[in-house]
PDB file of N, CA and C in Angstrom:
ATOM      1  N   PHE A   1     -40.241 282.387 101.624  1.00  0.00           N
ATOM      2  CA  PHE A   1     -41.388 281.962 100.835  1.00  0.00           C
ATOM      3  C   PHE A   1     -41.487 282.848  99.605  1.00  0.00           C
ATOM      4  N   PHE A   2     -42.020 282.289  98.553  1.00  0.00           N
ATOM      5  CA  PHE A   2     -42.121 283.060  97.334  1.00  0.00           C
ATOM      6  C   PHE A   2     -43.478 282.839  96.708  1.00  0.00           C
ATOM      7  N   ILE A   3     -43.817 283.707  95.804  1.00  0.00           N
ATOM      8  CA  ILE A   3     -45.070 283.585  95.071  1.00  0.00           C
ATOM      9  C   ILE A   3     -44.717 283.550  93.593  1.00  0.00           C
ATOM     10  N   LEU A   4     -45.275 282.590  92.908  1.00  0.00           N
ATOM     11  CA  LEU A   4     -45.053 282.437  91.482  1.00  0.00           C
ATOM     12  C   LEU A   4     -46.241 283.077  90.777  1.00  0.00           C
ATOM     13  N   PHE A   5     -45.983 283.991  89.863  1.00  0.00           N
ATOM     14  CA  PHE A   5     -47.060 284.665  89.155  1.00  0.00           C
ATOM     15  C   PHE A   5     -47.140 284.167  87.728  1.00  0.00           C
ATOM     16  N   THR A   6     -48.332 283.724  87.328  1.00  0.00           N
ATOM     17  CA  THR A   6     -48.604 283.392  85.931  1.00  0.00           C
ATOM     18  C   THR A   6     -50.004 283.893  85.626  1.00  0.00           C
ATOM     19  N   MET A   7     -50.426 283.719  84.419  1.00  0.00           N
ATOM     20  CA  MET A   7     -51.740 284.216  84.029  1.00  0.00           C
ATOM     21  C   MET A   7     -52.839 283.164  84.190  1.00  0.00           C
ATOM     22  N   SER A   8     -52.545 282.004  84.747  1.00  0.00           N
ATOM     23  CA  SER A   8     -53.570 280.975  84.908  1.00  0.00           C
ATOM     24  C   SER A   8     -54.171 281.033  86.309  1.00  0.00           C
ATOM     25  N   SER A   9     -55.160 280.197  86.544  1.00  0.00           N
ATOM     26  CA  SER A   9     -55.773 280.154  87.873  1.00  0.00           C
ATOM     27  C   SER A   9     -55.516 278.798  88.538  1.00  0.00           C
ATOM     28  N   LYS A  10     -54.455 278.125  88.135  1.00  0.00           N
ATOM     29  CA  LYS A  10     -54.119 276.824  88.706  1.00  0.00           C
ATOM     30  C   LYS A  10     -53.592 276.989  90.129  1.00  0.00           C
ATOM     31  N   VAL A  11     -53.883 275.999  90.949  1.00  0.00           N
ATOM     32  CA  VAL A  11     -53.319 275.954  92.292  1.00  0.00           C
ATOM     33  C   VAL A  11     -52.062 275.098  92.224  1.00  0.00           C
ATOM     34  N   THR A  12     -51.004 275.590  92.838  1.00  0.00           N
ATOM     35  CA  THR A  12     -49.726 274.901  92.840  1.00  0.00           C
ATOM     36  C   THR A  12     -49.284 274.684  94.269  1.00  0.00           C
ATOM     37  N   ALA A  13     -48.617 273.574  94.518  1.00  0.00           N
ATOM     38  CA  ALA A  13     -48.089 273.286  95.852  1.00  0.00           C
ATOM     39  C   ALA A  13     -46.647 272.804  95.727  1.00  0.00           C
ATOM     40  N   LYS A  14     -45.936 272.856  96.841  1.00  0.00           N
ATOM     41  CA  LYS A  14     -44.553 272.382  96.881  1.00  0.00           C
ATOM     42  C   LYS A  14     -44.506 270.987  97.474  1.00  0.00           C
ATOM     43  N   VAL A  15     -43.639 270.146  96.906  1.00  0.00           N
ATOM     44  CA  VAL A  15     -43.299 268.879  97.536  1.00  0.00           C
ATOM     45  C   VAL A  15     -41.851 269.029  97.979  1.00  0.00           C
ATOM     46  N   ASP A  16     -41.649 269.040  99.286  1.00  0.00           N
ATOM     47  CA  ASP A  16     -40.325 269.250  99.871  1.00  0.00           C
ATOM     48  C   ASP A  16     -39.605 267.933 100.087  1.00  0.00           C
ATOM     49  N   PHE A  17     -38.301 267.955  99.849  1.00  0.00           N
ATOM     50  CA  PHE A  17     -37.444 266.800 100.083  1.00  0.00           C
ATOM     51  C   PHE A  17     -36.298 267.268 100.973  1.00  0.00           C
ATOM     52  N   HIS A  18     -36.076 266.559 102.057  1.00  0.00           N
ATOM     53  CA  HIS A  18     -35.021 266.918 103.013  1.00  0.00           C
ATOM     54  C   HIS A  18     -34.002 265.799 103.075  1.00  0.00           C
ATOM     55  N   LYS A  19     -32.730 266.154 102.939  1.00  0.00           N
ATOM     56  CA  LYS A  19     -31.657 265.169 103.087  1.00  0.00           C
ATOM     57  C   LYS A  19     -30.735 265.635 104.204  1.00  0.00           C
ATOM     58  N   ASP A  20     -30.645 264.819 105.242  1.00  0.00           N
ATOM     59  CA  ASP A  20     -29.753 265.103 106.359  1.00  0.00           C
ATOM     60  C   ASP A  20     -28.370 264.571 106.003  1.00  0.00           C
ATOM     61  N   ASN A  21     -27.367 265.416 106.038  1.00  0.00           N
ATOM     62  CA  ASN A  21     -26.016 265.033 105.636  1.00  0.00           C
ATOM     63  C   ASN A  21     -25.096 264.755 106.817  1.00  0.00           C
ATOM     64  N   GLY A  22     -25.672 264.540 107.983  1.00  0.00           N
ATOM     65  CA  GLY A  22     -24.854 264.233 109.151  1.00  0.00           C
ATOM     66  C   GLY A  22     -24.577 265.458 109.996  1.00  0.00           C
ATOM     67  N   PRO A  23     -23.925 265.254 111.133  1.00  0.00           N
ATOM     68  CA  PRO A  23     -23.749 266.344 112.097  1.00  0.00           C
ATOM     69  C   PRO A  23     -22.791 267.450 111.655  1.00  0.00           C
ATOM     70  N   ASN A  24     -21.892 267.166 110.725  1.00  0.00           N
ATOM     71  CA  ASN A  24     -20.882 268.153 110.353  1.00  0.00           C
ATOM     72  C   ASN A  24     -21.140 268.847 109.023  1.00  0.00           C
ATOM     73  N   GLU A  25     -22.234 268.495 108.382  1.00  0.00           N
ATOM     74  CA  GLU A  25     -22.569 269.086 107.089  1.00  0.00           C
ATOM     75  C   GLU A  25     -23.985 269.653 107.129  1.00  0.00           C
ATOM     76  N   PRO A  26     -24.215 270.760 106.427  1.00  0.00           N
ATOM     77  CA  PRO A  26     -25.593 271.284 106.392  1.00  0.00           C
ATOM     78  C   PRO A  26     -26.510 270.334 105.619  1.00  0.00           C
ATOM     79  N   SER A  27     -27.762 270.306 105.996  1.00  0.00           N
ATOM     80  CA  SER A  27     -28.724 269.464 105.294  1.00  0.00           C
ATOM     81  C   SER A  27     -29.105 270.124 103.972  1.00  0.00           C
ATOM     82  N   ASP A  28     -29.701 269.345 103.109  1.00  0.00           N
ATOM     83  CA  ASP A  28     -30.168 269.842 101.813  1.00  0.00           C
ATOM     84  C   ASP A  28     -31.692 269.823 101.810  1.00  0.00           C
ATOM     85  N   ASP A  29     -32.280 270.938 101.456  1.00  0.00           N
ATOM     86  CA  ASP A  29     -33.730 271.056 101.330  1.00  0.00           C
ATOM     87  C   ASP A  29     -34.035 271.537  99.920  1.00  0.00           C
ATOM     88  N   ILE A  30     -34.722 270.698  99.172  1.00  0.00           N
ATOM     89  CA  ILE A  30     -35.067 271.007  97.787  1.00  0.00           C
ATOM     90  C   ILE A  30     -36.551 270.727  97.588  1.00  0.00           C
ATOM     91  N   TYR A  31     -37.092 271.147  96.455  1.00  0.00           N
ATOM     92  CA  TYR A  31     -38.512 270.924  96.201  1.00  0.00           C
ATOM     93  C   TYR A  31     -38.824 270.989  94.723  1.00  0.00           C
ATOM     94  N   CYS A  32     -39.991 270.480  94.384  1.00  0.00           N
ATOM     95  CA  CYS A  32     -40.545 270.678  93.053  1.00  0.00           C
ATOM     96  C   CYS A  32     -41.977 271.181  93.227  1.00  0.00           C
ATOM     97  N   LEU A  33     -42.504 271.774  92.187  1.00  0.00           N
ATOM     98  CA  LEU A  33     -43.859 272.332  92.221  1.00  0.00           C
ATOM     99  C   LEU A  33     -44.813 271.364  91.541  1.00  0.00           C
ATOM    100  N   VAL A  34     -45.950 271.143  92.174  1.00  0.00           N
ATOM    101  CA  VAL A  34     -46.919 270.177  91.659  1.00  0.00           C
ATOM    102  C   VAL A  34     -48.328 270.746  91.637  1.00  0.00           C
ATOM    103  N   ASP A  35     -49.145 270.106  90.828  1.00  0.00           N
ATOM    104  CA  ASP A  35     -50.581 270.301  90.863  1.00  0.00           C
ATOM    105  C   ASP A  35     -51.088 269.362  91.959  1.00  0.00           C
ATOM    106  N   PRO A  36     -51.661 269.870  93.056  1.00  0.00           N
ATOM    107  CA  PRO A  36     -52.057 269.005  94.168  1.00  0.00           C
ATOM    108  C   PRO A  36     -52.992 267.864  93.764  1.00  0.00           C
ATOM    109  N   GLU A  37     -53.930 268.112  92.847  1.00  0.00           N
ATOM    110  CA  GLU A  37     -54.842 267.057  92.412  1.00  0.00           C
ATOM    111  C   GLU A  37     -54.101 265.982  91.624  1.00  0.00           C
ATOM    112  N   GLY A  38     -53.216 266.399  90.721  1.00  0.00           N
ATOM    113  CA  GLY A  38     -52.426 265.457  89.941  1.00  0.00           C
ATOM    114  C   GLY A  38     -51.510 264.631  90.830  1.00  0.00           C
ATOM    115  N   TYR A  39     -50.941 265.282  91.845  1.00  0.00           N
ATOM    116  CA  TYR A  39     -50.054 264.582  92.785  1.00  0.00           C
ATOM    117  C   TYR A  39     -50.827 263.530  93.576  1.00  0.00           C
ATOM    118  N   ALA A  40     -52.018 263.871  94.024  1.00  0.00           N
ATOM    119  CA  ALA A  40     -52.846 262.915  94.770  1.00  0.00           C
ATOM    120  C   ALA A  40     -53.194 261.714  93.893  1.00  0.00           C
ATOM    121  N   LYS A  41     -53.538 261.962  92.625  1.00  0.00           N
ATOM    122  CA  LYS A  41     -53.845 260.861  91.708  1.00  0.00           C
ATOM    123  C   LYS A  41     -52.617 259.989  91.491  1.00  0.00           C
ATOM    124  N   TRP A  42     -51.443 260.623  91.303  1.00  0.00           N
ATOM    125  CA  TRP A  42     -50.206 259.892  91.062  1.00  0.00           C
ATOM    126  C   TRP A  42     -49.824 259.021  92.265  1.00  0.00           C
ATOM    127  N   GLN A  43     -50.070 259.517  93.478  1.00  0.00           N
ATOM    128  CA  GLN A  43     -49.733 258.728  94.667  1.00  0.00           C
ATOM    129  C   GLN A  43     -50.516 257.415  94.702  1.00  0.00           C
ATOM    130  N   ASN A  44     -51.721 257.428  94.161  1.00  0.00           N
ATOM    131  CA  ASN A  44     -52.557 256.225  94.145  1.00  0.00           C
ATOM    132  C   ASN A  44     -52.382 255.400  92.875  1.00  0.00           C
ATOM    133  N   ASP A  45     -51.825 256.007  91.835  1.00  0.00           N
ATOM    134  CA  ASP A  45     -51.685 255.325  90.551  1.00  0.00           C
ATOM    135  C   ASP A  45     -50.445 255.860  89.842  1.00  0.00           C
ATOM    136  N   LYS A  46     -49.335 255.138  89.957  1.00  0.00           N
ATOM    137  CA  LYS A  46     -48.052 255.595  89.398  1.00  0.00           C
ATOM    138  C   LYS A  46     -48.041 255.610  87.874  1.00  0.00           C
ATOM    139  N   SER A  47     -49.115 255.121  87.240  1.00  0.00           N
ATOM    140  CA  SER A  47     -49.169 255.195  85.774  1.00  0.00           C
ATOM    141  C   SER A  47     -49.595 256.591  85.295  1.00  0.00           C
ATOM    142  N   VAL A  48     -50.025 257.464  86.213  1.00  0.00           N
ATOM    143  CA  VAL A  48     -50.366 258.843  85.845  1.00  0.00           C
ATOM    144  C   VAL A  48     -49.079 259.512  85.358  1.00  0.00           C
ATOM    145  N   PRO A  49     -49.075 260.067  84.150  1.00  0.00           N
ATOM    146  CA  PRO A  49     -47.855 260.687  83.624  1.00  0.00           C
ATOM    147  C   PRO A  49     -47.395 261.866  84.495  1.00  0.00           C
ATOM    148  N   LEU A  50     -46.077 261.973  84.690  1.00  0.00           N
ATOM    149  CA  LEU A  50     -45.542 263.062  85.508  1.00  0.00           C
ATOM    150  C   LEU A  50     -45.893 264.439  84.954  1.00  0.00           C
ATOM    151  N   VAL A  51     -46.111 264.525  83.657  1.00  0.00           N
ATOM    152  CA  VAL A  51     -46.492 265.804  83.064  1.00  0.00           C
ATOM    153  C   VAL A  51     -47.830 266.290  83.628  1.00  0.00           C
ATOM    154  N   ASN A  52     -48.649 265.372  84.153  1.00  0.00           N
ATOM    155  CA  ASN A  52     -49.926 265.729  84.778  1.00  0.00           C
ATOM    156  C   ASN A  52     -49.778 265.995  86.264  1.00  0.00           C
ATOM    157  N   VAL A  53     -48.566 265.860  86.771  1.00  0.00           N
ATOM    158  CA  VAL A  53     -48.312 266.009  88.206  1.00  0.00           C
ATOM    159  C   VAL A  53     -47.495 267.264  88.506  1.00  0.00           C
ATOM    160  N   VAL A  54     -46.366 267.401  87.835  1.00  0.00           N
ATOM    161  CA  VAL A  54     -45.465 268.522  88.124  1.00  0.00           C
ATOM    162  C   VAL A  54     -45.802 269.725  87.251  1.00  0.00           C
ATOM    163  N   GLU A  55     -45.538 270.890  87.795  1.00  0.00           N
ATOM    164  CA  GLU A  55     -45.771 272.124  87.035  1.00  0.00           C
ATOM    165  C   GLU A  55     -44.666 272.345  86.003  1.00  0.00           C
ATOM    166  N   ALA A  56     -43.453 271.900  86.328  1.00  0.00           N
ATOM    167  CA  ALA A  56     -42.303 271.994  85.414  1.00  0.00           C
ATOM    168  C   ALA A  56     -41.297 270.946  85.844  1.00  0.00           C
ATOM    169  N   PHE A  57     -40.528 270.470  84.917  1.00  0.00           N
ATOM    170  CA  PHE A  57     -39.505 269.482  85.247  1.00  0.00           C
ATOM    171  C   PHE A  57     -38.255 270.195  85.748  1.00  0.00           C
ATOM    172  N   HIS A  58     -38.412 270.834  86.903  1.00  0.00           N
ATOM    173  CA  HIS A  58     -37.318 271.553  87.546  1.00  0.00           C
ATOM    174  C   HIS A  58     -37.335 271.240  89.031  1.00  0.00           C
ATOM    175  N   ILE A  59     -36.148 271.249  89.615  1.00  0.00           N
ATOM    176  CA  ILE A  59     -35.995 271.057  91.056  1.00  0.00           C
ATOM    177  C   ILE A  59     -35.352 272.325  91.593  1.00  0.00           C
ATOM    178  N   TYR A  60     -35.903 272.828  92.692  1.00  0.00           N
ATOM    179  CA  TYR A  60     -35.472 274.107  93.230  1.00  0.00           C
ATOM    180  C   TYR A  60     -34.933 273.981  94.648  1.00  0.00           C
ATOM    181  N   LYS A  61     -34.164 274.993  95.032  1.00  0.00           N
ATOM    182  CA  LYS A  61     -33.754 275.199  96.421  1.00  0.00           C
ATOM    183  C   LYS A  61     -33.926 276.689  96.681  1.00  0.00           C
ATOM    184  N   GLU A  62     -33.985 277.038  97.942  1.00  0.00           N
ATOM    185  CA  GLU A  62     -34.064 278.455  98.290  1.00  0.00           C
ATOM    186  C   GLU A  62     -32.651 279.028  98.246  1.00  0.00           C
ATOM    187  N   HIS A  63     -32.494 280.177  97.650  1.00  0.00           N
ATOM    188  CA  HIS A  63     -31.203 280.862  97.607  1.00  0.00           C
ATOM    189  C   HIS A  63     -31.457 282.334  97.889  1.00  0.00           C
ATOM    190  N   SER A  64     -31.022 282.790  99.039  1.00  0.00           N
ATOM    191  CA  SER A  64     -31.255 284.178  99.456  1.00  0.00           C
ATOM    192  C   SER A  64     -32.742 284.514  99.427  1.00  0.00           C
ATOM    193  N   GLY A  65     -33.567 283.554  99.837  1.00  0.00           N
ATOM    194  CA  GLY A  65     -35.006 283.767  99.907  1.00  0.00           C
ATOM    195  C   GLY A  65     -35.723 283.643  98.575  1.00  0.00           C
ATOM    196  N   GLN A  66     -35.002 283.309  97.516  1.00  0.00           N
ATOM    197  CA  GLN A  66     -35.594 283.186  96.190  1.00  0.00           C
ATOM    198  C   GLN A  66     -35.407 281.760  95.678  1.00  0.00           C
ATOM    199  N   PRO A  67     -36.310 281.285  94.830  1.00  0.00           N
ATOM    200  CA  PRO A  67     -36.129 279.946  94.262  1.00  0.00           C
ATOM    201  C   PRO A  67     -34.985 279.950  93.251  1.00  0.00           C
ATOM    202  N   ALA A  68     -34.198 278.878  93.270  1.00  0.00           N
ATOM    203  CA  ALA A  68     -33.109 278.712  92.310  1.00  0.00           C
ATOM    204  C   ALA A  68     -33.079 277.258  91.886  1.00  0.00           C
ATOM    205  N   LYS A  69     -32.959 277.015  90.581  1.00  0.00           N
ATOM    206  CA  LYS A  69     -32.855 275.634  90.113  1.00  0.00           C
ATOM    207  C   LYS A  69     -31.547 275.050  90.624  1.00  0.00           C
ATOM    208  N   ILE A  70     -31.600 273.773  91.040  1.00  0.00           N
ATOM    209  CA  ILE A  70     -30.378 273.154  91.520  1.00  0.00           C
ATOM    210  C   ILE A  70     -29.533 272.724  90.320  1.00  0.00           C
ATOM    211  N   SER A  71     -28.227 272.625  90.549  1.00  0.00           N
ATOM    212  CA  SER A  71     -27.316 272.210  89.486  1.00  0.00           C
ATOM    213  C   SER A  71     -27.387 270.700  89.300  1.00  0.00           C
ATOM    214  N   GLU A  72     -26.884 270.242  88.185  1.00  0.00           N
ATOM    215  CA  GLU A  72     -26.830 268.804  87.918  1.00  0.00           C
ATOM    216  C   GLU A  72     -25.968 268.102  88.967  1.00  0.00           C
ATOM    217  N   ASP A  73     -24.877 268.746  89.384  1.00  0.00           N
ATOM    218  CA  ASP A  73     -24.010 268.160  90.411  1.00  0.00           C
ATOM    219  C   ASP A  73     -24.737 268.044  91.744  1.00  0.00           C
ATOM    220  N   ASP A  74     -25.492 269.085  92.122  1.00  0.00           N
ATOM    221  CA  ASP A  74     -26.272 269.021  93.364  1.00  0.00           C
ATOM    222  C   ASP A  74     -27.334 267.927  93.273  1.00  0.00           C
ATOM    223  N   MET A  75     -27.973 267.823  92.106  1.00  0.00           N
ATOM    224  CA  MET A  75     -28.998 266.799  91.924  1.00  0.00           C
ATOM    225  C   MET A  75     -28.385 265.407  92.118  1.00  0.00           C
ATOM    226  N   SER A  76     -27.218 265.193  91.558  1.00  0.00           N
ATOM    227  CA  SER A  76     -26.551 263.902  91.687  1.00  0.00           C
ATOM    228  C   SER A  76     -26.147 263.629  93.138  1.00  0.00           C
ATOM    229  N   ARG A  77     -25.624 264.644  93.816  1.00  0.00           N
ATOM    230  CA  ARG A  77     -25.180 264.484  95.200  1.00  0.00           C
ATOM    231  C   ARG A  77     -26.359 264.232  96.137  1.00  0.00           C
ATOM    232  N   ILE A  78     -27.442 264.969  95.952  1.00  0.00           N
ATOM    233  CA  ILE A  78     -28.588 264.888  96.862  1.00  0.00           C
ATOM    234  C   ILE A  78     -29.480 263.688  96.545  1.00  0.00           C
ATOM    235  N   LEU A  79     -29.731 263.449  95.267  1.00  0.00           N
ATOM    236  CA  LEU A  79     -30.724 262.449  94.870  1.00  0.00           C
ATOM    237  C   LEU A  79     -30.127 261.205  94.211  1.00  0.00           C
ATOM    238  N   GLY A  80     -28.823 261.229  93.960  1.00  0.00           N
ATOM    239  CA  GLY A  80     -28.168 260.048  93.412  1.00  0.00           C
ATOM    240  C   GLY A  80     -28.340 259.846  91.926  1.00  0.00           C
ATOM    241  N   THR A  81     -28.787 260.865  91.207  1.00  0.00           N
ATOM    242  CA  THR A  81     -28.958 260.757  89.761  1.00  0.00           C
ATOM    243  C   THR A  81     -28.865 262.139  89.127  1.00  0.00           C
ATOM    244  N   LYS A  82     -28.449 262.155  87.853  1.00  0.00           N
ATOM    245  CA  LYS A  82     -28.455 263.401  87.080  1.00  0.00           C
ATOM    246  C   LYS A  82     -29.664 263.446  86.146  1.00  0.00           C
ATOM    247  N   ASP A  83     -30.473 262.388  86.177  1.00  0.00           N
ATOM    248  CA  ASP A  83     -31.684 262.303  85.364  1.00  0.00           C
ATOM    249  C   ASP A  83     -32.804 263.042  86.104  1.00  0.00           C
ATOM    250  N   GLU A  84     -33.237 264.160  85.544  1.00  0.00           N
ATOM    251  CA  GLU A  84     -34.221 264.997  86.231  1.00  0.00           C
ATOM    252  C   GLU A  84     -35.546 264.272  86.477  1.00  0.00           C
ATOM    253  N   GLN A  85     -35.979 263.442  85.554  1.00  0.00           N
ATOM    254  CA  GLN A  85     -37.238 262.722  85.750  1.00  0.00           C
ATOM    255  C   GLN A  85     -37.124 261.741  86.918  1.00  0.00           C
ATOM    256  N   LEU A  86     -36.015 261.002  87.008  1.00  0.00           N
ATOM    257  CA  LEU A  86     -35.812 260.088  88.136  1.00  0.00           C
ATOM    258  C   LEU A  86     -35.707 260.859  89.451  1.00  0.00           C
ATOM    259  N   ALA A  87     -35.018 261.999  89.408  1.00  0.00           N
ATOM    260  CA  ALA A  87     -34.861 262.829  90.608  1.00  0.00           C
ATOM    261  C   ALA A  87     -36.211 263.341  91.087  1.00  0.00           C
ATOM    262  N   ILE A  88     -37.038 263.820  90.159  1.00  0.00           N
ATOM    263  CA  ILE A  88     -38.367 264.319  90.520  1.00  0.00           C
ATOM    264  C   ILE A  88     -39.226 263.187  91.078  1.00  0.00           C
ATOM    265  N   THR A  89     -39.131 262.006  90.473  1.00  0.00           N
ATOM    266  CA  THR A  89     -39.884 260.856  90.980  1.00  0.00           C
ATOM    267  C   THR A  89     -39.489 260.553  92.416  1.00  0.00           C
ATOM    268  N   LYS A  90     -38.200 260.626  92.727  1.00  0.00           N
ATOM    269  CA  LYS A  90     -37.742 260.376  94.101  1.00  0.00           C
ATOM    270  C   LYS A  90     -38.309 261.432  95.057  1.00  0.00           C
ATOM    271  N   ILE A  91     -38.319 262.690  94.642  1.00  0.00           N
ATOM    272  CA  ILE A  91     -38.892 263.756  95.478  1.00  0.00           C
ATOM    273  C   ILE A  91     -40.374 263.483  95.726  1.00  0.00           C
ATOM    274  N   LEU A  92     -41.095 263.104  94.674  1.00  0.00           N
ATOM    275  CA  LEU A  92     -42.529 262.839  94.813  1.00  0.00           C
ATOM    276  C   LEU A  92     -42.792 261.642  95.721  1.00  0.00           C
ATOM    277  N   GLU A  93     -41.936 260.617  95.640  1.00  0.00           N
ATOM    278  CA  GLU A  93     -42.133 259.419  96.454  1.00  0.00           C
ATOM    279  C   GLU A  93     -41.747 259.630  97.915  1.00  0.00           C
ATOM    280  N   GLU A  94     -40.657 260.354  98.159  1.00  0.00           N
ATOM    281  CA  GLU A  94     -40.117 260.473  99.508  1.00  0.00           C
ATOM    282  C   GLU A  94     -40.356 261.831 100.163  1.00  0.00           C
ATOM    283  N   GLY A  95     -40.781 262.798  99.384  1.00  0.00           N
ATOM    284  CA  GLY A  95     -40.994 264.137  99.917  1.00  0.00           C
ATOM    285  C   GLY A  95     -42.353 264.297 100.566  1.00  0.00           C
ATOM    286  N   LYS A  96     -42.583 265.489 101.074  1.00  0.00           N
ATOM    287  CA  LYS A  96     -43.856 265.813 101.733  1.00  0.00           C
ATOM    288  C   LYS A  96     -44.445 267.046 101.084  1.00  0.00           C
ATOM    289  N   ILE A  97     -45.726 266.943 100.756  1.00  0.00           N
ATOM    290  CA  ILE A  97     -46.406 268.091 100.160  1.00  0.00           C
ATOM    291  C   ILE A  97     -46.722 269.098 101.248  1.00  0.00           C
ATOM    292  N   GLU A  98     -46.521 270.359 100.927  1.00  0.00           N
ATOM    293  CA  GLU A  98     -46.877 271.450 101.835  1.00  0.00           C
ATOM    294  C   GLU A  98     -48.244 271.955 101.408  1.00  0.00           C
ATOM    295  N   GLU A  99     -49.266 271.250 101.860  1.00  0.00           N
ATOM    296  CA  GLU A  99     -50.615 271.604 101.432  1.00  0.00           C
ATOM    297  C   GLU A  99     -51.017 272.987 101.896  1.00  0.00           C
ATOM    298  N   ASN A 100     -50.549 273.399 103.047  1.00  0.00           N
ATOM    299  CA  ASN A 100     -50.901 274.735 103.519  1.00  0.00           C
ATOM    300  C   ASN A 100     -50.123 275.807 102.764  1.00  0.00           C
ATOM    301  N   LYS A 101     -49.195 275.396 101.914  1.00  0.00           N
ATOM    302  CA  LYS A 101     -48.433 276.360 101.116  1.00  0.00           C
ATOM    303  C   LYS A 101     -48.926 276.416  99.680  1.00  0.00           C
ATOM    304  N   ALA A 102     -50.065 275.783  99.417  1.00  0.00           N
ATOM    305  CA  ALA A 102     -50.632 275.847  98.074  1.00  0.00           C
ATOM    306  C   ALA A 102     -51.021 277.286  97.773  1.00  0.00           C
ATOM    307  N   PHE A 103     -50.837 277.695  96.556  1.00  0.00           N
ATOM    308  CA  PHE A 103     -51.170 279.067  96.185  1.00  0.00           C
ATOM    309  C   PHE A 103     -51.688 279.083  94.764  1.00  0.00           C
ATOM    310  N   LYS A 104     -52.476 280.087  94.465  1.00  0.00           N
ATOM    311  CA  LYS A 104     -53.004 280.231  93.107  1.00  0.00           C
ATOM    312  C   LYS A 104     -51.987 280.941  92.271  1.00  0.00           C
ATOM    313  N   CYS A 105     -51.815 280.443  91.066  1.00  0.00           N
ATOM    314  CA  CYS A 105     -50.884 281.065  90.123  1.00  0.00           C
ATOM    315  C   CYS A 105     -51.662 281.898  89.135  1.00  0.00           C
TER     316      CYS A 105
END
């Protein structure tokens, strides 16, 4: 687990996406950071701009206990696209928010 430090008082949460790659390959666990209120609004109204939902247009994975942006190749392999906006939309649609992992930034 990690803590993101900024000078604002916004609450941020993770939306986790899990891809099972079968019995002989490790699974992929990635996430993006969202504003929980913006995410809730977006779930009910997809016309809400993603800029009001995500904290940054980045997708992360844990690497040695620290967040690391995933590569374009990993994004394509895991999510089927190299377009970060489409990839984030898929995470938001199919992922699960970790509400108990919300933290103040």
